[in-house]
C-alpha atoms as a PDB file:
ATOM      1  CA  UNK A   1    -100.234  60.568 193.100  1.00  0.00           C
ATOM      2  CA  UNK A   2    -100.642  59.045 189.840  1.00  0.00           C
ATOM      3  CA  UNK A   3     -98.317  57.177 187.073  1.00  0.00           C
ATOM      4  CA  UNK A   4     -97.428  58.663 183.969  1.00  0.00           C
ATOM      5  CA  UNK A   5     -97.727  56.493 180.943  1.00  0.00           C
ATOM      6  CA  UNK A   6     -94.219  55.578 179.548  1.00  0.00           C
ATOM      7  CA  UNK A   7     -95.044  57.724 176.330  1.00  0.00           C
ATOM      8  CA  UNK A   8     -97.124  60.557 176.746  1.00  0.00           C
ATOM      9  CA  UNK A   9     -95.885  63.609 174.608  1.00  0.00           C
ATOM     10  CA  UNK A  10     -98.971  65.426 175.160  1.00  0.00           C
ATOM     11  CA  UNK A  11     -98.052  65.746 179.196  1.00  0.00           C
ATOM     12  CA  UNK A  12     -94.470  66.514 178.604  1.00  0.00           C
ATOM     13  CA  UNK A  13     -93.658  70.049 178.492  1.00  0.00           C
ATOM     14  CA  UNK A  14     -90.699  69.617 176.547  1.00  0.00           C
ATOM     15  CA  UNK A  15     -92.650  68.487 173.712  1.00  0.00           C
ATOM     16  CA  UNK A  16     -93.726  71.945 173.485  1.00  0.00           C
ATOM     17  CA  UNK A  17     -90.499  73.738 173.177  1.00  0.00           C
ATOM     18  CA  UNK A  18     -89.681  71.318 170.653  1.00  0.00           C
ATOM     19  CA  UNK A  19     -92.890  71.858 168.743  1.00  0.00           C
ATOM     20  CA  UNK A  20     -91.924  75.749 168.698  1.00  0.00           C
ATOM     21  CA  UNK A  21     -88.581  74.853 167.067  1.00  0.00           C
ATOM     22  CA  UNK A  22     -89.631  72.556 164.513  1.00  0.00           C
ATOM     23  CA  UNK A  23     -92.621  74.779 163.468  1.00  0.00           C
ATOM     24  CA  UNK A  24     -90.077  77.392 162.707  1.00  0.00           C
ATOM     25  CA  UNK A  25     -87.565  75.560 160.859  1.00  0.00           C
ATOM     26  CA  UNK A  26     -89.995  72.797 159.307  1.00  0.00           C
ATOM     27  CA  UNK A  27     -89.312  74.181 155.405  1.00  0.00           C
ATOM     28  CA  UNK A  28     -85.753  74.771 156.151  1.00  0.00           C
ATOM     29  CA  UNK A  29     -83.873  73.519 152.880  1.00  0.00           C
ATOM     30  CA  UNK A  30     -80.712  72.996 154.746  1.00  0.00           C
ATOM     31  CA  UNK A  31     -77.563  72.143 152.684  1.00  0.00           C
ATOM     32  CA  UNK A  32     -75.994  70.163 155.416  1.00  0.00           C
ATOM     33  CA  UNK A  33     -76.444  69.132 159.141  1.00  0.00           C
ATOM     34  CA  UNK A  34     -74.226  72.045 160.324  1.00  0.00           C
ATOM     35  CA  UNK A  35     -76.767  74.550 158.717  1.00  0.00           C
ATOM     36  CA  UNK A  36     -79.658  72.595 160.867  1.00  0.00           C
ATOM     37  CA  UNK A  37     -77.788  72.071 163.807  1.00  0.00           C
ATOM     38  CA  UNK A  38     -77.544  76.497 163.699  1.00  0.00           C
ATOM     39  CA  UNK A  39     -81.153  76.934 162.974  1.00  0.00           C
ATOM     40  CA  UNK A  40     -82.160  74.602 165.797  1.00  0.00           C
ATOM     41  CA  UNK A  41     -79.617  76.671 168.268  1.00  0.00           C
ATOM     42  CA  UNK A  42     -80.926  79.743 166.954  1.00  0.00           C
ATOM     43  CA  UNK A  43     -84.273  79.142 167.435  1.00  0.00           C
ATOM     44  CA  UNK A  44     -83.837  77.432 171.010  1.00  0.00           C
ATOM     45  CA  UNK A  45     -81.994  80.361 171.919  1.00  0.00           C
ATOM     46  CA  UNK A  46     -84.686  82.778 170.927  1.00  0.00           C
ATOM     47  CA  UNK A  47     -87.428  80.650 172.735  1.00  0.00           C
ATOM     48  CA  UNK A  48     -85.178  80.609 175.808  1.00  0.00           C
ATOM     49  CA  UNK A  49     -85.275  84.550 175.951  1.00  0.00           C
ATOM     50  CA  UNK A  50     -89.353  84.366 175.536  1.00  0.00           C
ATOM     51  CA  UNK A  51     -90.197  83.183 179.398  1.00  0.00           C
ATOM     52  CA  UNK A  52     -94.041  83.379 178.135  1.00  0.00           C
ATOM     53  CA  UNK A  53     -93.529  80.915 175.653  1.00  0.00           C
ATOM     54  CA  UNK A  54     -91.540  78.657 177.917  1.00  0.00           C
ATOM     55  CA  UNK A  55     -93.921  78.928 180.789  1.00  0.00           C
ATOM     56  CA  UNK A  56     -96.779  78.049 178.484  1.00  0.00           C
ATOM     57  CA  UNK A  57     -95.596  74.710 177.803  1.00  0.00           C
ATOM     58  CA  UNK A  58     -96.316  73.142 181.203  1.00  0.00           C
ATOM     59  CA  UNK A  59     -99.660  74.897 181.209  1.00  0.00           C
ATOM     60  CA  UNK A  60    -100.441  73.272 177.892  1.00  0.00           C
ATOM     61  CA  UNK A  61    -100.211  69.973 179.276  1.00  0.00           C
ATOM     62  CA  UNK A  62    -102.976  70.438 181.787  1.00  0.00           C
ATOM     63  CA  UNK A  63    -100.967  68.863 184.739  1.00  0.00           C
ATOM     64  CA  UNK A  64    -101.347  71.071 187.934  1.00  0.00           C
ATOM     65  CA  UNK A  65     -97.743  72.200 188.963  1.00  0.00           C
ATOM     66  CA  UNK A  66     -97.225  72.099 192.947  1.00  0.00           C
ATOM     67  CA  UNK A  67     -94.931  74.797 194.514  1.00  0.00           C
END
């Protein structure tokens, strides 16, 4: 077994999810924090219902998953 570095975003599957969310709201000209929060929640909910996208995030790290 190997030890992961303390900060390795390219090996963290969650970074793939956040990358997808940020890509879609990156150009949002929000009037306030509430609008940004709603946009992020909406995008995360959309991603949640796309298992193919979610499953691709661990695969994108190149790490082998046991199980």
